[in-house]
Amino acid sequence: MTDLGEFERLIGDDHGLCVVSTLRADNTIQSSLVNAGVLKHPLTGEPVVGMVLRGGTRKLTNLRARPRMTVVARSGWQWAAAEGPVWITGPDDPTPGIDPERLRLLLREVFTAAGGTHDNWPEYDRVMAADRRAVVLITPDRIYSNG
């Protein structure tokens, strides 16, 4: 697999649920479940895997120190993994070219790419700001699967 097409199909089959793995300071692996989706990077236009992470999580702490991640999508016995460097933007990770309004919209874009819907976007925006949510995008340099 050389592109994110199969990965994106698998994400859609299981409500965007994916397992992500980061590296802890002691070189052990930390894994958890997140919602993820495939979208275009807001600055480069490249296809990436994106997720919204709550501020203050171990995942974000690990990624800030060691900005690389593996994300695995599955549907039944089919699975695909994407791994690579991460790009983080959020209230605690300011990024040139991403002002507060662009961040608000990007949080929505990533959420909908992961299959999310919302009937009260102002409330969604409020919760994202209160939780200090960050956008994490993986630009895969390795994609592989059992398919």
Protein backbone atom coordinates (compact mmCIF):
# COMPACT_ATOMS: atom_id res chain seq x y z
CA MET A 1 0.00 0.00 0.00
CA THR A 2 1.49 3.31 -1.03
CA ASP A 3 -1.35 5.75 -0.46
CA LEU A 4 -4.07 6.38 2.09
CA GLY A 5 -6.98 5.06 0.00
CA GLU A 6 -7.34 1.67 1.69
CA PHE A 7 -6.63 3.23 5.07
CA GLU A 8 -9.42 5.76 4.51
CA ARG A 9 -11.86 3.02 3.49
CA LEU A 10 -11.12 1.07 6.67
CA ILE A 11 -11.60 4.17 8.81
CA GLY A 12 -15.05 4.61 7.29
CA ASP A 13 -15.99 1.01 8.07
CA ASP A 14 -15.55 1.42 11.84
CA HIS A 15 -16.79 4.93 12.70
CA GLY A 16 -13.30 6.43 12.46
CA LEU A 17 -12.03 4.37 15.39
CA CYS A 18 -8.28 3.81 15.25
CA VAL A 19 -5.54 2.73 17.61
CA VAL A 20 -2.68 5.21 17.95
CA SER A 21 0.72 4.51 19.44
CA THR A 22 3.27 7.00 20.70
CA LEU A 23 6.67 6.60 22.31
CA ARG A 24 7.06 7.35 26.03
CA ALA A 25 10.22 8.89 27.50
CA ASP A 26 11.29 5.44 28.77
CA ASN A 27 11.08 4.04 25.19
CA THR A 28 7.94 1.98 25.87
CA ILE A 29 4.85 2.27 23.69
CA GLN A 30 1.67 4.05 24.80
CA SER A 31 -1.47 3.12 22.81
CA SER A 32 -5.04 4.34 22.92
CA LEU A 33 -8.20 4.55 20.87
CA VAL A 34 -9.13 7.72 18.96
CA ASN A 35 -11.34 8.84 16.10
CA ALA A 36 -9.30 9.68 13.02
CA GLY A 37 -9.89 10.60 9.40
CA VAL A 38 -8.06 11.35 6.18
CA LEU A 39 -7.95 14.94 4.95
CA LYS A 40 -5.61 17.43 3.29
CA HIS A 41 -2.98 19.19 5.37
CA PRO A 42 -4.11 22.82 5.77
CA LEU A 43 -0.67 24.22 4.89
CA THR A 44 0.74 21.72 2.37
CA GLY A 45 -2.36 20.18 0.78
CA GLU A 46 -0.85 16.69 1.22
CA PRO A 47 -3.12 13.84 2.34
CA VAL A 48 -2.71 13.18 6.05
CA VAL A 49 -4.35 11.25 8.87
CA GLY A 50 -5.87 13.65 11.38
CA MET A 51 -7.34 13.50 14.85
CA VAL A 52 -8.43 15.90 17.57
CA LEU A 53 -6.82 15.28 20.96
CA ARG A 54 -7.84 16.70 24.33
CA GLY A 55 -5.28 19.03 25.88
CA GLY A 56 -3.17 17.63 28.70
CA THR A 57 -3.19 14.01 27.50
CA ARG A 58 -0.20 11.68 27.63
CA LYS A 59 -0.44 11.32 23.85
CA LEU A 60 0.18 15.02 23.36
CA THR A 61 2.98 15.06 25.92
CA ASN A 62 4.65 12.15 24.12
CA LEU A 63 4.13 13.69 20.68
CA ARG A 64 5.54 17.06 21.67
CA ALA A 65 8.73 15.36 22.88
CA ARG A 66 8.90 12.69 20.17
CA PRO A 67 6.78 13.87 17.22
CA ARG A 68 6.11 10.54 15.53
CA MET A 69 3.08 8.25 15.68
CA THR A 70 1.58 5.05 14.30
CA VAL A 71 -2.16 4.86 13.67
CA VAL A 72 -3.98 1.61 12.83
CA ALA A 73 -7.45 1.32 11.29
CA ARG A 74 -9.31 -1.97 11.07
CA SER A 75 -12.50 -3.49 9.82
CA GLY A 76 -13.04 -7.14 10.64
CA TRP A 77 -9.77 -8.89 9.88
CA GLN A 78 -8.55 -6.18 7.49
CA TRP A 79 -6.19 -3.57 8.90
CA ALA A 80 -3.90 -0.81 7.70
CA ALA A 81 -1.24 1.18 9.52
CA ALA A 82 0.18 4.61 8.77
CA GLU A 83 3.23 5.90 10.55
CA GLY A 84 5.20 9.08 10.31
CA PRO A 85 5.98 12.47 11.74
CA VAL A 86 3.23 14.55 13.31
CA TRP A 87 2.24 18.18 13.06
CA ILE A 88 0.41 19.64 16.06
CA THR A 89 -1.56 22.86 16.29
CA GLY A 90 -3.80 24.07 19.07
CA PRO A 91 -4.05 26.60 21.87
CA ASP A 92 -0.94 25.15 23.52
CA ASP A 93 0.84 24.56 20.20
CA PRO A 94 0.59 27.78 18.17
CA THR A 95 1.49 27.44 14.51
CA PRO A 96 2.35 30.15 11.99
CA GLY A 97 -0.50 30.41 9.48
CA ILE A 98 -3.10 28.98 11.90
CA ASP A 99 -4.88 31.78 13.75
CA PRO A 100 -7.68 31.10 16.28
CA GLU A 101 -10.40 31.26 13.60
CA ARG A 102 -8.51 28.86 11.31
CA LEU A 103 -7.97 26.52 14.27
CA ARG A 104 -11.70 26.57 15.08
CA LEU A 105 -12.52 25.57 11.50
CA LEU A 106 -9.70 23.00 11.32
CA LEU A 107 -10.99 21.27 14.47
CA ARG A 108 -14.34 20.92 12.68
CA GLU A 109 -12.69 19.65 9.48
CA VAL A 110 -10.77 16.94 11.30
CA PHE A 111 -13.85 15.95 13.32
CA THR A 112 -15.97 15.55 10.17
CA ALA A 113 -13.16 13.72 8.32
CA ALA A 114 -13.28 11.20 11.17
CA GLY A 115 -17.01 10.70 10.55
CA GLY A 116 -18.26 13.08 13.21
CA THR A 117 -21.41 15.13 12.93
CA HIS A 118 -22.79 17.78 15.24
CA ASP A 119 -26.14 19.55 15.50
CA ASN A 120 -24.76 22.48 17.53
CA TRP A 121 -21.46 23.73 16.12
CA PRO A 122 -21.18 26.69 18.53
CA GLU A 123 -21.36 24.21 21.43
CA TYR A 124 -18.75 22.00 19.73
CA ASP A 125 -16.47 25.04 19.36
CA ARG A 126 -16.97 25.94 23.04
CA VAL A 127 -16.06 22.43 24.23
CA MET A 128 -13.01 22.28 21.96
CA ALA A 129 -11.73 25.57 23.39
CA ALA A 130 -12.50 24.59 27.00
CA ASP A 131 -10.71 21.24 26.59
CA ARG A 132 -7.75 22.96 24.87
CA ARG A 133 -8.13 20.47 22.02
CA ALA A 134 -5.31 20.16 19.51
CA VAL A 135 -5.25 18.96 15.92
CA VAL A 136 -2.68 16.24 15.27
CA LEU A 137 -1.87 15.35 11.66
CA ILE A 138 0.34 12.46 10.58
CA THR A 139 2.12 12.71 7.23
CA PRO A 140 2.74 9.02 6.57
CA ASP A 141 6.17 7.97 5.45
CA ARG A 142 5.18 4.33 5.79
CA ILE A 143 1.77 2.77 5.06
CA TYR A 144 1.21 -0.99 5.23
CA SER A 145 -1.58 -3.49 5.69
CA ASN A 146 -2.57 -7.13 5.53
CA GLY A 147 -4.66 -6.45 2.39
